Amino acid sequence: MDSVVLLNAKLYDYIINGVGMEQLPKNEHFWEELSYFIDNWHTKLTGANFLHVFMYVSVVANDINGPAEALRNFPP
């Protein structure tokens, strides 16, 4: 859970307080934590509600991971 909390804090400072934010390295632990949270949602949500939340989270995760990966591979 530390990766998610840290990322949220950095994003909050960047968006709300205008604090600069360096490019973060790829963090596999973040994606493991995201999987953990999705597994926990599965026990609380069922049926169509779970499916809608899961699809939304999947799209957001893909929107985050795709451009981040492209930026890391972009030559300086």
C-alpha atoms as a PDB file:
ATOM      1  CA  MET A   1       0.000   0.000   0.000  1.00  0.00           C
ATOM      2  CA  ASP A   2       2.990   2.285   0.406  1.00  0.00           C
ATOM      3  CA  SER A   3       3.423   2.835  -3.343  1.00  0.00           C
ATOM      4  CA  VAL A   4      -0.182   3.924  -3.832  1.00  0.00           C
ATOM      5  CA  VAL A   5      -0.101   6.259  -0.816  1.00  0.00           C
ATOM      6  CA  LEU A   6       3.214   7.782  -1.914  1.00  0.00           C
ATOM      7  CA  LEU A   7       2.032   8.298  -5.488  1.00  0.00           C
ATOM      8  CA  ASN A   8      -1.234   9.882  -4.295  1.00  0.00           C
ATOM      9  CA  ALA A   9       0.673  12.255  -2.016  1.00  0.00           C
ATOM     10  CA  LYS A  10       3.044  13.292  -4.813  1.00  0.00           C
ATOM     11  CA  LEU A  11       0.193  13.794  -7.275  1.00  0.00           C
ATOM     12  CA  TYR A  12      -1.747  15.831  -4.698  1.00  0.00           C
ATOM     13  CA  ASP A  13       1.246  18.099  -4.061  1.00  0.00           C
ATOM     14  CA  TYR A  14       1.803  18.494  -7.795  1.00  0.00           C
ATOM     15  CA  ILE A  15      -1.823  19.287  -8.675  1.00  0.00           C
ATOM     16  CA  ILE A  16      -2.973  21.240  -5.617  1.00  0.00           C
ATOM     17  CA  ASN A  17       0.212  22.851  -4.303  1.00  0.00           C
ATOM     18  CA  GLY A  18       2.189  23.166  -7.545  1.00  0.00           C
ATOM     19  CA  VAL A  19       5.168  21.261  -6.099  1.00  0.00           C
ATOM     20  CA  GLY A  20       7.439  19.931  -8.830  1.00  0.00           C
ATOM     21  CA  MET A  21       7.373  16.211  -9.482  1.00  0.00           C
ATOM     22  CA  GLU A  22      10.241  14.231 -10.920  1.00  0.00           C
ATOM     23  CA  GLN A  23       9.668  11.344 -13.277  1.00  0.00           C
ATOM     24  CA  LEU A  24       9.257   8.226 -11.192  1.00  0.00           C
ATOM     25  CA  PRO A  25      10.917   4.952 -12.157  1.00  0.00           C
ATOM     26  CA  LYS A  26       8.739   2.012 -13.161  1.00  0.00           C
ATOM     27  CA  ASN A  27       7.490   0.408  -9.987  1.00  0.00           C
ATOM     28  CA  GLU A  28       6.287  -3.170 -10.285  1.00  0.00           C
ATOM     29  CA  HIS A  29       5.274  -3.059  -6.635  1.00  0.00           C
ATOM     30  CA  PHE A  30       2.624  -0.439  -7.536  1.00  0.00           C
ATOM     31  CA  TRP A  31       0.998  -2.820 -10.019  1.00  0.00           C
ATOM     32  CA  GLU A  32       1.102  -5.637  -7.463  1.00  0.00           C
ATOM     33  CA  GLU A  33      -0.669  -3.349  -4.981  1.00  0.00           C
ATOM     34  CA  LEU A  34      -3.252  -2.439  -7.605  1.00  0.00           C
ATOM     35  CA  SER A  35      -3.916  -6.152  -8.153  1.00  0.00           C
ATOM     36  CA  TYR A  36      -4.318  -6.574  -4.396  1.00  0.00           C
ATOM     37  CA  PHE A  37      -6.898  -3.768  -4.248  1.00  0.00           C
ATOM     38  CA  ILE A  38      -8.816  -5.221  -7.183  1.00  0.00           C
ATOM     39  CA  ASP A  39      -8.873  -8.604  -5.436  1.00  0.00           C
ATOM     40  CA  ASN A  40     -10.319  -6.919  -2.343  1.00  0.00           C
ATOM     41  CA  TRP A  41     -12.974  -5.155  -4.409  1.00  0.00           C
ATOM     42  CA  HIS A  42     -14.008  -8.518  -5.752  1.00  0.00           C
ATOM     43  CA  THR A  43     -15.127  -9.559  -2.258  1.00  0.00           C
ATOM     44  CA  LYS A  44     -17.149  -6.344  -1.766  1.00  0.00           C
ATOM     45  CA  LEU A  45     -18.661  -5.858  -5.215  1.00  0.00           C
ATOM     46  CA  THR A  46     -20.358  -8.449  -7.341  1.00  0.00           C
ATOM     47  CA  GLY A  47     -22.088  -8.725 -10.679  1.00  0.00           C
ATOM     48  CA  ALA A  48     -22.388  -5.697 -12.915  1.00  0.00           C
ATOM     49  CA  ASN A  49     -21.038  -3.290 -10.279  1.00  0.00           C
ATOM     50  CA  PHE A  50     -17.749  -5.188 -10.053  1.00  0.00           C
ATOM     51  CA  LEU A  51     -17.518  -5.454 -13.819  1.00  0.00           C
ATOM     52  CA  HIS A  52     -17.996  -1.706 -14.302  1.00  0.00           C
ATOM     53  CA  VAL A  53     -15.421  -0.825 -11.636  1.00  0.00           C
ATOM     54  CA  PHE A  54     -12.953  -3.384 -12.978  1.00  0.00           C
ATOM     55  CA  MET A  55     -13.290  -2.077 -16.532  1.00  0.00           C
ATOM     56  CA  TYR A  56     -12.814   1.518 -15.363  1.00  0.00           C
ATOM     57  CA  VAL A  57      -9.729   0.660 -13.318  1.00  0.00           C
ATOM     58  CA  SER A  58      -8.329  -1.325 -16.248  1.00  0.00           C
ATOM     59  CA  VAL A  59      -8.723   1.621 -18.611  1.00  0.00           C
ATOM     60  CA  VAL A  60      -7.151   4.039 -16.143  1.00  0.00           C
ATOM     61  CA  ALA A  61      -4.252   1.664 -15.439  1.00  0.00           C
ATOM     62  CA  ASN A  62      -3.657   1.264 -19.161  1.00  0.00           C
ATOM     63  CA  ASP A  63      -3.819   5.039 -19.649  1.00  0.00           C
ATOM     64  CA  ILE A  64      -1.161   5.426 -16.951  1.00  0.00           C
ATOM     65  CA  ASN A  65       1.098   2.558 -17.962  1.00  0.00           C
ATOM     66  CA  GLY A  66       1.153   3.106 -21.739  1.00  0.00           C
ATOM     67  CA  PRO A  67       2.393   6.713 -21.860  1.00  0.00           C
ATOM     68  CA  ALA A  68       4.711   6.159 -18.883  1.00  0.00           C
ATOM     69  CA  GLU A  69       6.362   3.261 -20.692  1.00  0.00           C
ATOM     70  CA  ALA A  70       6.679   5.309 -23.879  1.00  0.00           C
ATOM     71  CA  LEU A  71       8.339   8.174 -21.973  1.00  0.00           C
ATOM     72  CA  ARG A  72      10.827   5.817 -20.357  1.00  0.00           C
ATOM     73  CA  ASN A  73      11.791   4.397 -23.769  1.00  0.00           C
ATOM     74  CA  PHE A  74      12.008   7.801 -25.479  1.00  0.00           C
ATOM     75  CA  PRO A  75      15.613   8.717 -26.241  1.00  0.00           C
ATOM     76  CA  PRO A  76      16.821  11.918 -24.532  1.00  0.00           C
END
